[in-house]
Every structure is written in structure tokens, then in C-alpha cells.
Protein backbone atom coordinates (compact mmCIF):
# COMPACT_ATOMS: atom_id res chain seq x y z
CA MET A 1 0.00 0.00 0.00
CA GLU A 2 1.45 3.35 -1.03
CA VAL A 3 1.63 5.98 1.70
CA VAL A 4 2.30 9.66 1.00
CA SER A 5 2.54 12.89 2.94
CA LEU A 6 0.00 15.64 2.37
CA PHE A 7 2.75 17.71 0.73
CA ASP A 8 3.51 14.91 -1.73
CA TYR A 9 -0.19 14.34 -2.38
CA LEU A 10 -1.19 17.98 -2.84
CA GLY A 11 2.05 19.24 -4.35
CA ARG A 12 2.15 22.08 -1.83
CA PRO A 13 2.30 22.56 1.95
CA ALA A 14 -1.00 21.55 3.51
CA GLY A 15 -0.70 23.66 6.64
CA SER A 16 -1.44 22.68 10.19
CA GLU A 17 -5.21 23.25 10.01
CA LEU A 18 -5.77 20.92 7.06
CA GLY A 19 -3.22 18.46 8.46
CA SER A 20 -5.13 18.31 11.73
CA LYS A 21 -8.44 17.74 9.94
CA VAL A 22 -7.01 14.90 7.86
CA ASN A 23 -5.40 13.32 10.91
CA LYS A 24 -8.61 13.57 12.94
CA GLU A 25 -10.60 11.89 10.17
CA ALA A 26 -7.97 9.16 9.75
CA GLN A 27 -8.11 8.42 13.48
CA ARG A 28 -11.91 8.46 13.50
CA MET A 29 -11.97 5.96 10.65
CA GLY A 30 -9.20 3.77 12.04
CA VAL A 31 -6.82 4.51 9.17
CA SER A 32 -3.22 3.97 10.19
CA TYR A 33 -0.44 6.28 9.15
CA ARG A 34 3.33 6.33 9.19
CA THR A 35 5.66 9.15 10.02
CA LYS A 36 8.79 10.27 8.23
CA HIS A 37 11.33 12.91 9.01
CA VAL A 38 11.57 15.80 6.55
CA SER A 39 14.35 18.37 6.55
CA ASN A 40 14.55 21.18 4.02
CA PRO A 41 15.00 24.97 4.14
CA LYS A 42 11.29 25.54 4.91
CA TRP A 43 10.50 22.65 7.28
CA SER A 44 12.28 20.25 9.56
CA GLY A 45 10.35 17.68 11.53
CA ASN A 46 8.13 14.62 11.29
CA VAL A 47 5.16 14.44 8.95
CA HIS A 48 2.33 11.92 8.77
CA CYS A 49 2.00 9.77 5.67
CA TYR A 50 -1.37 8.25 4.84
CA PRO A 51 -2.50 5.59 2.36
CA ARG A 52 -3.05 7.25 -1.01
CA THR A 53 -6.46 5.56 -1.26
CA PHE A 54 -7.54 7.26 1.99
CA LEU A 55 -6.39 10.66 0.74
CA ASP A 56 -8.12 10.11 -2.62
CA LEU A 57 -11.39 9.42 -0.86
CA TYR A 58 -10.92 12.14 1.75
CA PHE A 59 -10.48 14.89 -0.82
CA LYS A 60 -12.96 13.45 -3.33
CA ASN A 61 -15.76 12.95 -0.80
CA ARG A 62 -15.28 16.09 1.27
CA GLN A 63 -18.53 17.98 1.51
CA GLY A 64 -19.18 21.58 2.45
CA ASN A 65 -20.58 20.57 5.84
CA GLY A 66 -17.37 18.81 6.89
CA THR A 67 -18.73 15.26 6.66
CA TYR A 68 -17.18 12.49 4.65
CA ASN A 69 -18.24 9.33 2.94
CA ASN A 70 -17.10 6.46 5.19
CA LYS A 71 -16.66 3.89 2.41
CA LEU A 72 -13.01 2.94 2.26
CA PRO A 73 -11.60 0.03 0.26
CA PHE A 74 -9.44 -1.23 3.17
């Protein structure tokens, strides 16, 4: 299963607010994540990496009211 950071998935920094929302939803749904250390001129620290399939569904199914479709393929 491929896991990616939000930066790698979005192609830009996600920011702490979006990162917290994604993490909260992953925890609520029981989706596990991995961490990796990143060090570059703009950021140094650990980031969460999620299954790409979770991120695909999270961003595809996000609705204006903040609820999500709970159908995950894993």
C-alpha cells in the first residue's frame, strides 16, 4: 500500500489546520499512518504519511458541511 505525505499528495504545503483535519478523520476511521522525518529549508520535523487511497477518498468525498463518505476500500 502506497503511503504519501500531504505535501507529496497535494504538491504544496497543507498547513497545520488541514493536516489536523485529515489526521482527525484518519483516526476516527481507524486509518493507520506512518511518520517520516523531513528536513529542508522551509520545514524540519516529522510528517504523517497516509495511504493514497484514503487521501483520494478524503479529498474526493469532502462535503461543504465537513462530513465524509465512510466507504473505504481497506
